[in-house]
Protein backbone atom coordinates (compact mmCIF):
# COMPACT_ATOMS: atom_id res chain seq x y z
CA MET A 1 70.05 -9.33 2.33
CA PRO A 2 67.00 -10.88 4.09
CA LYS A 3 64.20 -12.23 1.93
CA SER A 4 60.83 -10.60 2.40
CA ARG A 5 57.82 -12.66 3.05
CA GLY A 6 55.34 -12.69 0.23
CA ARG A 7 51.74 -11.79 0.69
CA GLN A 8 49.65 -14.52 2.09
CA LYS A 9 46.97 -15.71 -0.25
CA GLN A 10 43.51 -14.90 0.95
CA THR A 11 41.29 -17.87 1.22
CA ARG A 12 38.14 -17.40 -0.78
CA ARG A 13 34.91 -18.40 0.76
CA PRO A 14 32.73 -20.55 -1.46
CA TYR A 15 29.78 -18.81 -3.10
CA VAL A 16 26.57 -19.45 -1.20
CA PRO A 17 23.49 -18.33 -3.08
CA PRO A 18 20.91 -16.37 -1.10
CA PRO A 19 17.85 -18.27 0.07
CA PRO A 20 14.94 -18.19 -2.39
CA LYS A 21 12.34 -15.51 -1.82
CA LYS A 22 9.05 -16.67 -0.45
CA LYS A 23 6.14 -16.14 -2.79
CA ARG A 24 3.34 -14.12 -1.31
CA LYS A 25 -0.13 -15.46 -1.44
CA PRO A 26 -2.44 -13.68 -3.86
CA SER A 27 -5.20 -11.55 -2.40
CA PRO A 28 -8.63 -13.09 -1.99
CA ARG A 29 -11.05 -12.46 -4.82
CA TRP A 30 -13.26 -10.21 -2.74
CA TYR A 31 -10.41 -7.87 -1.79
CA GLY A 32 -10.34 -6.11 -5.16
CA TRP A 33 -14.07 -5.52 -4.97
CA LEU A 34 -13.65 -4.15 -1.46
CA VAL A 35 -11.07 -1.62 -2.71
CA LEU A 36 -13.35 -0.52 -5.55
CA GLY A 37 -16.31 -0.31 -3.17
CA VAL A 38 -14.45 1.95 -0.74
CA PHE A 39 -13.34 4.21 -3.60
CA ALA A 40 -16.87 4.34 -5.01
CA GLY A 41 -18.33 5.02 -1.57
CA GLY A 42 -16.02 8.00 -1.08
CA VAL A 43 -16.84 9.44 -4.49
CA ALA A 44 -20.57 8.87 -3.89
CA VAL A 45 -20.45 10.70 -0.55
CA ILE A 46 -18.73 13.70 -2.13
CA VAL A 47 -21.09 13.82 -5.12
CA LEU A 48 -24.19 13.46 -2.96
CA ASN A 49 -22.91 16.20 -0.67
CA TYR A 50 -22.53 18.61 -3.56
CA MET A 51 -26.04 17.73 -4.71
CA SER A 52 -27.22 18.56 -1.16
CA LEU A 53 -28.69 15.10 -0.69
CA MET A 54 -26.72 14.24 2.44
CA PRO A 55 -28.54 14.63 5.75
CA GLY A 56 -27.56 17.33 8.18
CA ALA A 57 -27.46 21.06 8.58
CA GLN A 58 -25.23 23.51 6.74
CA GLY A 59 -22.37 22.93 9.17
CA LEU A 60 -22.22 19.21 8.40
CA GLN A 61 -21.45 19.68 4.71
CA GLN A 62 -17.75 20.04 5.40
CA LEU A 63 -17.83 16.93 7.57
CA TRP A 64 -19.30 14.89 4.71
CA LEU A 65 -16.51 16.07 2.43
CA TRP A 66 -13.94 14.87 4.94
CA VAL A 67 -15.75 11.55 5.25
CA GLY A 68 -15.64 11.14 1.46
CA LEU A 69 -11.96 12.04 1.31
CA ALA A 70 -11.22 9.62 4.17
CA LEU A 71 -12.96 6.82 2.27
CA ILE A 72 -10.93 7.59 -0.86
CA ALA A 73 -7.72 7.66 1.18
CA GLY A 74 -8.73 4.35 2.75
CA GLY A 75 -9.20 2.93 -0.74
CA PHE A 76 -5.66 3.98 -1.64
CA GLY A 77 -4.38 2.40 1.56
CA LEU A 78 -6.18 -0.85 0.79
CA SER A 79 -4.94 -0.88 -2.80
CA THR A 80 -1.32 -0.89 -1.66
CA ARG A 81 -1.90 -4.32 -0.08
CA LEU A 82 -3.54 -5.77 -3.23
CA ARG A 83 -1.51 -8.54 -4.89
């Protein structure tokens, strides 16, 4: 009876660790204040609009609300880049 060939041993590749992750630079000091300023500006626009202190006719009140909401959304967008 013929002899069967055995399985060939698989050659193992040596373990190569992944390259180290690059550390990101921290944000500049003024960046945090910028984020807070944009948030505060958006809130201030909305509050002043409800107090009827924003310039413009009756039709512009809705525009000021959108401006305030856009500033708040911009603050959230900026805060995602804060390190």
